[in-house]
Structures are given as structure tokens and as C-alpha cells.
Protein backbone atom coordinates (compact mmCIF):
# COMPACT_ATOMS: atom_id res chain seq x y z
CA MET A 1 185.71 106.06 155.34
CA THR A 2 186.41 102.54 154.23
CA THR A 3 185.92 100.95 150.85
CA ASP A 4 185.09 97.30 150.28
CA ILE A 5 187.45 95.67 147.80
CA THR A 6 186.39 92.59 145.85
CA LYS A 7 188.71 89.74 144.93
CA SER A 8 189.38 91.31 141.57
CA GLY A 9 190.54 94.48 143.24
CA SER A 10 187.59 96.61 142.25
CA PRO A 11 185.41 98.26 144.89
CA GLY A 12 181.99 96.75 145.49
CA PRO A 13 179.78 95.24 148.17
CA GLN A 14 181.06 91.98 149.61
CA ASP A 15 177.61 90.46 150.09
CA GLU A 16 176.43 90.89 146.41
CA PRO A 17 174.72 87.64 145.30
CA PRO A 18 176.10 85.92 142.19
CA ARG A 19 174.22 86.74 139.00
CA SER A 20 172.43 83.82 137.40
CA ALA A 21 172.13 83.36 133.64
CA PRO A 22 168.82 84.58 132.17
CA GLU A 23 166.24 81.90 131.65
CA ALA A 24 165.54 80.83 128.07
CA ILE A 25 162.32 82.18 126.65
CA ARG A 26 159.85 79.41 126.15
CA ALA A 27 157.92 80.12 122.96
CA ILE A 28 154.53 78.44 122.71
CA PRO A 29 153.26 78.30 119.11
CA VAL A 30 149.80 79.64 118.46
CA ARG A 31 147.34 76.96 117.49
CA HIS A 32 145.48 77.64 114.26
CA TYR A 33 142.34 75.58 114.59
CA GLY A 34 140.97 76.92 111.32
CA ARG A 35 143.80 75.20 109.47
CA TYR A 36 142.93 71.88 111.06
CA VAL A 37 139.28 72.25 110.09
CA ALA A 38 140.20 73.19 106.50
CA ALA A 39 142.57 70.21 106.26
CA VAL A 40 139.89 67.80 107.50
CA LEU A 41 137.35 69.20 105.03
CA ALA A 42 139.82 68.95 102.13
CA ILE A 43 140.68 65.35 103.02
CA GLY A 44 136.97 64.55 103.28
CA VAL A 45 136.20 66.00 99.84
CA LEU A 46 139.18 64.19 98.30
CA GLY A 47 138.11 60.93 99.92
CA ALA A 48 134.57 61.35 98.58
CA ILE A 49 135.87 61.88 95.04
CA VAL A 50 138.17 58.85 95.25
CA TYR A 51 135.32 56.73 96.65
CA ALA A 52 132.97 57.82 93.87
CA PHE A 53 135.46 56.83 91.16
CA ALA A 54 136.26 53.58 92.97
CA GLN A 55 132.57 52.65 93.01
CA GLY A 56 132.05 53.65 89.37
CA ASP A 57 131.98 51.17 86.52
CA ILE A 58 135.48 51.99 85.25
CA ASN A 59 137.84 49.47 83.74
CA TRP A 60 141.06 50.74 85.30
CA GLY A 61 143.05 47.98 83.63
CA ALA A 62 142.46 49.57 80.22
CA ILE A 63 144.74 52.48 81.15
CA PRO A 64 147.98 50.50 81.68
CA ASP A 65 147.06 48.15 78.82
CA ASN A 66 146.97 51.04 76.32
CA PHE A 67 149.51 53.32 77.99
CA PHE A 68 152.30 52.47 75.52
CA ASP A 69 150.07 51.70 72.58
CA ASP A 70 151.67 52.63 69.25
CA ARG A 71 148.87 55.06 68.43
CA ILE A 72 149.13 56.76 71.82
CA LEU A 73 152.90 57.17 71.46
CA LYS A 74 152.42 58.53 67.95
CA GLY A 75 149.86 60.98 69.31
CA VAL A 76 152.31 62.13 71.99
CA ARG A 77 154.95 62.70 69.32
CA GLU A 78 152.56 64.66 67.08
CA THR A 79 151.45 66.74 70.06
CA LEU A 80 155.03 67.69 70.92
CA ILE A 81 155.90 68.49 67.30
CA LEU A 82 152.83 70.68 66.92
CA THR A 83 153.60 72.44 70.21
CA VAL A 84 157.20 73.23 69.24
CA LEU A 85 156.37 74.45 65.73
CA SER A 86 153.38 76.52 66.87
CA MET A 87 155.43 78.16 69.61
CA LEU A 88 158.21 78.86 67.12
CA ILE A 89 155.73 80.71 64.89
CA GLY A 90 154.28 82.44 67.94
CA VAL A 91 157.63 83.61 69.33
CA VAL A 92 159.00 84.87 66.01
CA GLY A 93 155.71 86.53 65.13
CA GLY A 94 155.39 87.98 68.62
CA VAL A 95 158.84 89.60 68.47
CA VAL A 96 158.09 91.13 65.06
CA LEU A 97 154.65 92.37 66.15
CA SER A 98 155.98 93.85 69.39
CA VAL A 99 158.66 95.81 67.51
CA MET A 100 156.02 96.97 65.02
CA ARG A 101 153.71 97.97 67.87
CA LEU A 102 156.45 100.08 69.49
CA SER A 103 157.44 101.63 66.17
CA LYS A 104 156.92 105.36 65.66
CA ASN A 105 155.55 104.59 62.20
CA PRO A 106 151.75 104.87 62.54
CA VAL A 107 151.10 102.41 59.69
CA THR A 108 153.13 99.51 61.09
CA SER A 109 151.95 100.27 64.63
CA SER A 110 148.30 100.22 63.53
CA ILE A 111 148.72 96.97 61.60
CA ALA A 112 150.27 95.29 64.65
CA TRP A 113 147.51 96.65 66.91
CA PHE A 114 144.79 95.34 64.59
CA TYR A 115 146.41 91.91 64.37
CA ILE A 116 146.67 91.60 68.15
CA TRP A 117 143.13 92.92 68.61
CA PHE A 118 141.65 90.41 66.15
CA PHE A 119 143.48 87.24 67.18
CA ARG A 120 143.18 87.89 70.92
CA GLY A 121 139.50 88.78 70.58
CA THR A 122 138.35 85.60 68.83
CA PRO A 123 138.48 82.04 70.20
CA VAL A 124 141.23 79.83 68.85
CA LEU A 125 138.70 77.09 68.02
CA VAL A 126 136.80 79.52 65.78
CA GLN A 127 140.06 80.44 64.05
CA LEU A 128 140.81 76.77 63.44
CA PHE A 129 137.39 76.27 61.86
CA VAL A 130 137.88 79.35 59.67
CA TRP A 131 141.20 78.05 58.32
CA PHE A 132 139.70 74.59 57.84
CA ASN A 133 136.67 75.84 55.89
CA LEU A 134 138.34 78.46 53.70
CA GLY A 135 138.07 75.93 50.88
CA PHE A 136 134.43 77.03 50.48
CA VAL A 137 135.68 80.54 49.70
CA PHE A 138 138.88 79.89 47.75
CA GLU A 139 138.82 76.98 45.32
CA TYR A 140 142.45 77.38 44.28
CA ILE A 141 145.56 78.91 45.76
CA ASN A 142 147.73 80.72 43.24
CA LEU A 143 151.09 82.11 44.31
CA GLY A 144 152.31 82.58 40.76
CA PRO A 145 155.37 80.58 39.77
CA VAL A 146 156.00 79.61 43.39
CA TYR A 147 152.97 77.41 44.12
CA GLN A 148 149.60 76.58 42.54
CA ASP A 149 147.16 73.96 43.77
CA GLU A 150 143.63 73.32 44.93
CA TRP A 151 142.86 74.76 48.33
CA ALA A 152 141.74 71.40 49.72
CA ASP A 153 145.09 69.87 48.88
CA PHE A 154 147.02 72.87 50.18
CA MET A 155 145.24 73.39 53.50
CA THR A 156 145.88 70.01 55.12
CA PRO A 157 144.78 69.31 58.72
CA PHE A 158 148.40 69.74 59.86
CA LEU A 159 148.76 73.14 58.18
CA THR A 160 145.36 74.16 59.53
CA ALA A 161 146.42 73.28 63.07
CA LEU A 162 149.82 74.95 62.66
CA LEU A 163 148.43 78.24 61.31
CA GLY A 164 145.50 78.31 63.72
CA LEU A 165 147.64 77.78 66.81
CA GLY A 166 150.78 79.62 65.70
CA LEU A 167 149.14 82.81 64.46
CA ASN A 168 146.92 82.98 67.53
CA GLU A 169 149.92 82.51 69.82
CA ALA A 170 151.80 85.31 68.04
CA ALA A 171 149.22 87.82 69.30
CA TYR A 172 149.77 86.81 72.93
CA MET A 173 153.55 86.62 72.56
CA ALA A 174 153.51 90.11 71.04
CA GLU A 175 152.10 91.55 74.27
CA ILE A 176 154.55 89.54 76.37
CA CYS A 177 157.51 90.73 74.28
CA ARG A 178 156.25 94.30 74.33
CA ALA A 179 156.06 94.23 78.13
CA GLY A 180 159.60 92.87 78.26
CA LEU A 181 160.94 95.55 75.93
CA LEU A 182 159.22 98.32 77.88
CA SER A 183 160.72 96.99 81.12
CA VAL A 184 164.23 97.99 79.95
CA ASP A 185 165.16 101.49 81.08
CA GLU A 186 165.18 104.06 78.29
CA GLY A 187 168.59 105.21 79.41
CA GLN A 188 170.02 101.95 78.07
CA THR A 189 168.78 102.77 74.57
CA GLU A 190 169.92 106.38 74.81
CA ALA A 191 173.39 105.31 75.89
CA ALA A 192 173.62 102.85 72.99
CA GLN A 193 172.55 105.50 70.51
CA ALA A 194 175.09 107.92 71.98
CA LEU A 195 177.78 105.32 71.22
CA GLY A 196 176.65 105.22 67.59
CA MET A 197 174.84 101.87 67.66
CA SER A 198 172.05 101.38 65.15
CA HIS A 199 168.46 100.66 66.21
CA ASN A 200 168.65 96.98 65.22
CA LYS A 201 172.00 96.47 66.96
CA THR A 202 170.66 98.17 70.09
CA LEU A 203 167.72 95.75 70.13
CA ARG A 204 169.92 92.68 69.62
CA ARG A 205 172.72 93.52 72.05
CA ILE A 206 171.19 95.78 74.70
CA VAL A 207 167.41 95.65 74.94
CA ILE A 208 166.44 92.04 74.16
CA PRO A 209 169.02 90.36 76.50
CA GLN A 210 167.73 92.44 79.42
CA ALA A 211 164.09 91.96 78.45
CA MET A 212 164.50 88.18 78.56
CA ARG A 213 164.13 88.23 82.36
CA VAL A 214 160.57 89.51 81.91
CA ILE A 215 159.76 87.53 78.77
CA VAL A 216 160.90 84.05 79.82
CA PRO A 217 158.49 83.29 82.74
CA PRO A 218 155.22 84.01 80.88
CA THR A 219 156.62 82.34 77.76
CA GLY A 220 157.08 79.14 79.77
CA ASN A 221 153.44 79.35 80.77
CA GLU A 222 152.47 79.85 77.13
CA VAL A 223 154.39 76.71 76.12
CA ILE A 224 152.52 74.66 78.72
CA ASN A 225 149.23 76.21 77.66
CA MET A 226 150.02 75.50 73.99
CA LEU A 227 150.66 71.84 74.79
CA LYS A 228 147.15 71.58 76.21
CA THR A 229 145.57 73.72 73.47
CA THR A 230 146.76 71.27 70.81
CA SER A 231 143.89 69.02 71.89
CA LEU A 232 141.54 71.41 70.05
CA VAL A 233 142.93 70.43 66.66
CA ALA A 234 141.09 67.12 66.94
CA ALA A 235 138.08 69.15 65.77
CA VAL A 236 139.76 69.80 62.40
CA GLN A 237 140.60 66.11 61.83
CA TYR A 238 144.25 66.30 62.82
CA TYR A 239 145.43 63.20 64.64
CA GLU A 240 147.27 63.93 67.86
CA LEU A 241 147.05 62.48 71.38
CA LEU A 242 143.40 63.23 72.06
CA ARG A 243 142.19 62.09 68.63
CA TYR A 244 144.06 58.77 68.86
CA ALA A 245 142.76 58.26 72.40
CA GLN A 246 139.20 58.87 71.19
CA ASP A 247 139.63 56.34 68.40
CA ILE A 248 140.97 53.70 70.80
CA GLY A 249 138.10 54.40 73.20
CA THR A 250 135.52 54.08 70.44
CA SER A 251 136.90 50.77 69.15
CA SER A 252 137.42 49.22 72.59
CA GLY A 253 134.38 50.64 74.35
CA ALA A 254 136.57 52.19 77.08
CA THR A 255 135.76 55.82 76.29
CA VAL A 256 136.30 57.31 79.75
CA GLU A 257 139.33 55.16 80.42
CA THR A 258 141.18 56.32 77.29
CA LEU A 259 140.33 59.94 78.09
CA LEU A 260 141.88 59.45 81.51
CA LEU A 261 144.86 57.90 79.75
CA ALA A 262 145.23 60.99 77.56
CA ALA A 263 144.93 63.21 80.64
CA THR A 264 147.74 61.23 82.29
CA TRP A 265 150.03 61.77 79.32
CA TYR A 266 149.20 65.50 79.30
CA LEU A 267 150.09 65.66 83.01
CA ILE A 268 153.41 63.94 82.39
CA MET A 269 154.38 66.29 79.56
CA THR A 270 153.28 69.46 81.35
CA SER A 271 155.15 68.38 84.50
CA ILE A 272 158.37 67.94 82.52
CA LEU A 273 157.90 71.34 80.89
CA SER A 274 157.21 72.91 84.30
CA VAL A 275 160.55 71.62 85.62
CA GLY A 276 162.33 73.01 82.56
CA GLN A 277 160.57 76.35 83.01
CA PHE A 278 161.72 76.51 86.65
CA TYR A 279 165.39 76.03 85.79
CA LEU A 280 165.16 78.48 82.88
CA GLU A 281 163.66 81.15 85.14
CA ARG A 282 166.33 80.40 87.73
CA TYR A 283 169.03 80.89 85.09
CA TYR A 284 167.75 84.30 84.00
CA ALA A 285 167.23 85.41 87.61
CA ARG A 286 170.96 85.27 88.37
CA GLY A 287 171.52 88.94 87.63
CA SER A 288 168.42 90.31 89.35
CA SER A 289 168.12 88.27 92.58
CA ARG A 290 170.64 88.16 95.41
CA THR A 291 169.71 84.61 96.30
CA LEU A 292 168.42 82.13 93.76
CA PRO A 293 165.31 80.09 94.64
CA ASP A 294 165.96 76.60 95.92
CA THR A 295 165.71 73.75 93.48
CA PRO A 296 163.16 70.98 94.19
CA TRP A 297 165.97 68.71 95.44
CA GLN A 298 167.25 71.46 97.77
CA LYS A 299 163.73 71.97 99.15
CA ILE A 300 163.33 68.23 99.79
CA LYS A 301 166.73 68.09 101.49
CA ALA A 302 165.91 71.09 103.70
CA ASN A 303 162.56 69.57 104.72
CA MET A 304 164.23 66.25 105.58
CA LEU A 305 166.83 68.03 107.73
CA SER A 306 164.08 70.00 109.46
CA LEU A 307 162.15 66.82 110.26
CA GLY A 308 165.35 65.17 111.49
CA ASN A 309 166.09 68.06 113.81
CA ARG A 310 162.59 67.94 115.26
CA SER A 311 162.72 64.20 115.84
CA GLY A 312 166.17 64.61 117.43
CA GLY A 313 164.73 66.61 120.30
CA ILE A 314 165.49 70.20 119.26
CA ARG A 315 162.68 72.38 120.58
């Protein structure tokens, strides 16, 4: 009995053919024809809208001519101030209402529930009109030695807008804050109480910092929504971006053009706030996500590298 020995010294057949490397799998992407049809339809609709506006009797030159008008810039400033102050009232009031709503005291919990029920259940424009027309009900405001004056002098358009927007926002922020507080595990509170921490200290140091991850994203949306909602205060004679744009349009005869100008400024401001919201959410996501979402610049860089690889012949 003989045994064939290969060159390496191991037994094996001498006539075994050499093994070739496995062929690379050629992947053929599936064609999604529905996507192509949807893209063509979307482009067609967009083209029709652009063509309609291009054929309309619109003085497009009025937009850049009034873009940096002093009244428009003043309106932008008033809009931002009103947004910040209204959100400040809304956030502070929302935190207080959410704590009251979660309280075991039935009186404070009921008061908070009624407040949220009323302000969330009525339109903000109606609330603005109520504040504006309370002068028909109360002729004077008397706070004793602190403040006394006629209601018409006290309830200015600015105060009307601030109370109408801020108090309404507090009802929505209360539910957002309550959801954030409830998202924190009860064991965290129990552990803090076992260490002898008071209820207020537990909220400040344990519960609220962890609840911020849930509170911040919807709060960013509320800020953007508040910026747009400020346009409603034009109905109570407060001058902000929309009201100044309407006045310019009335005096110049370019009504639609100045409204488009106001819309452009709203888009600019909301876009800036959206970028800030993204980075704020990214900051608070550091402890809960293993990988942080890419920044806009990182996404653009990755897409450019992907296009470069495709054009370089990588298949």
C-alpha cells in the first residue's frame, strides 16, 4: 500500500487541481420605478407652482427693496423680544404647573389641571382678544399701594400680547415638563430620599437634570412655534414683523410682496432656531445615545465622499 506525498509532505492526491479564489458576488440593485414616477410628479407640481407665480403680476423687486427697511428690522426685533419673554413666562409657569399637577395635594393638583384644561382648550387668538377687551369689564386696576391706574393705560398692546402668549404657552409647557418628570425612574427619587435629601433638592439635583433629555426637544419646537404665533398679536394692535409688513404693503401698494417678505424673515429666524435646537438636542443626548447624530457639516462631508467614491469607479 503506497501513499502519495505532496510537496509539503502531507499525503494527498498528486493530480488535485489548484483551487481558484471564489468569484465576487455581483449585486444588482433593485430598480424602484415608483420612486422615479413620484419624483417626476413632484418636480412637475413644483414647476407648475413656480410658473404660476412667475406669470403673476408680482413686483418681485419690492422684496429686496424693503428687505432691510427700518420698520421691518424693528419688527424682527420686536418679534424676537416677544418670543423670548413669552417663552420665559411659559417655561417658568410650565415647571410650576407640572410640579403642582404631580403634587399629592388635591387642591394644588386640581388648580393646575383646571388651568391646563382652560388654556389648552381655547384658541390663543380668543385669549388675546379677551385680555385686550377686559377694559369693558374693569375700568380701573387697583393693587392697593403697589399700583393703581385705569385699565386702558395698564393693559397696553405689549402686555396684552405678552400675557396672551405666555400664559397660553405655560399650559403646553406644563404637559411637556410633566412628561419629562415622569420619565425619570422612581428609584432615583427613592434613593435621594433615603439619603435624606428634601423634596425640592431632589427635584433640583436629581429629577430635573435627567428630565431635560425629554423636555428639551419639544421645548425647541415650542420656541419655533411661538416665533410664528407672535404674528397673531397684530390683531391686538401690537406692532411686530407682520404688522409693519402690512403697513408697508398698504402704503406702497405691494401687499402680497410685503407678505412674502415677512414670510422670508420668518423662514430665516425659524431656520436659525432649528439649527440651535439640533445642537442642543445633540448636547443632551450624550448620556443616552452611544453614537451622536451627525452634524449638518458631517452629513455634507459624508455625501461628498460618497459621490467621490462613486465617480472614482468603486462599484
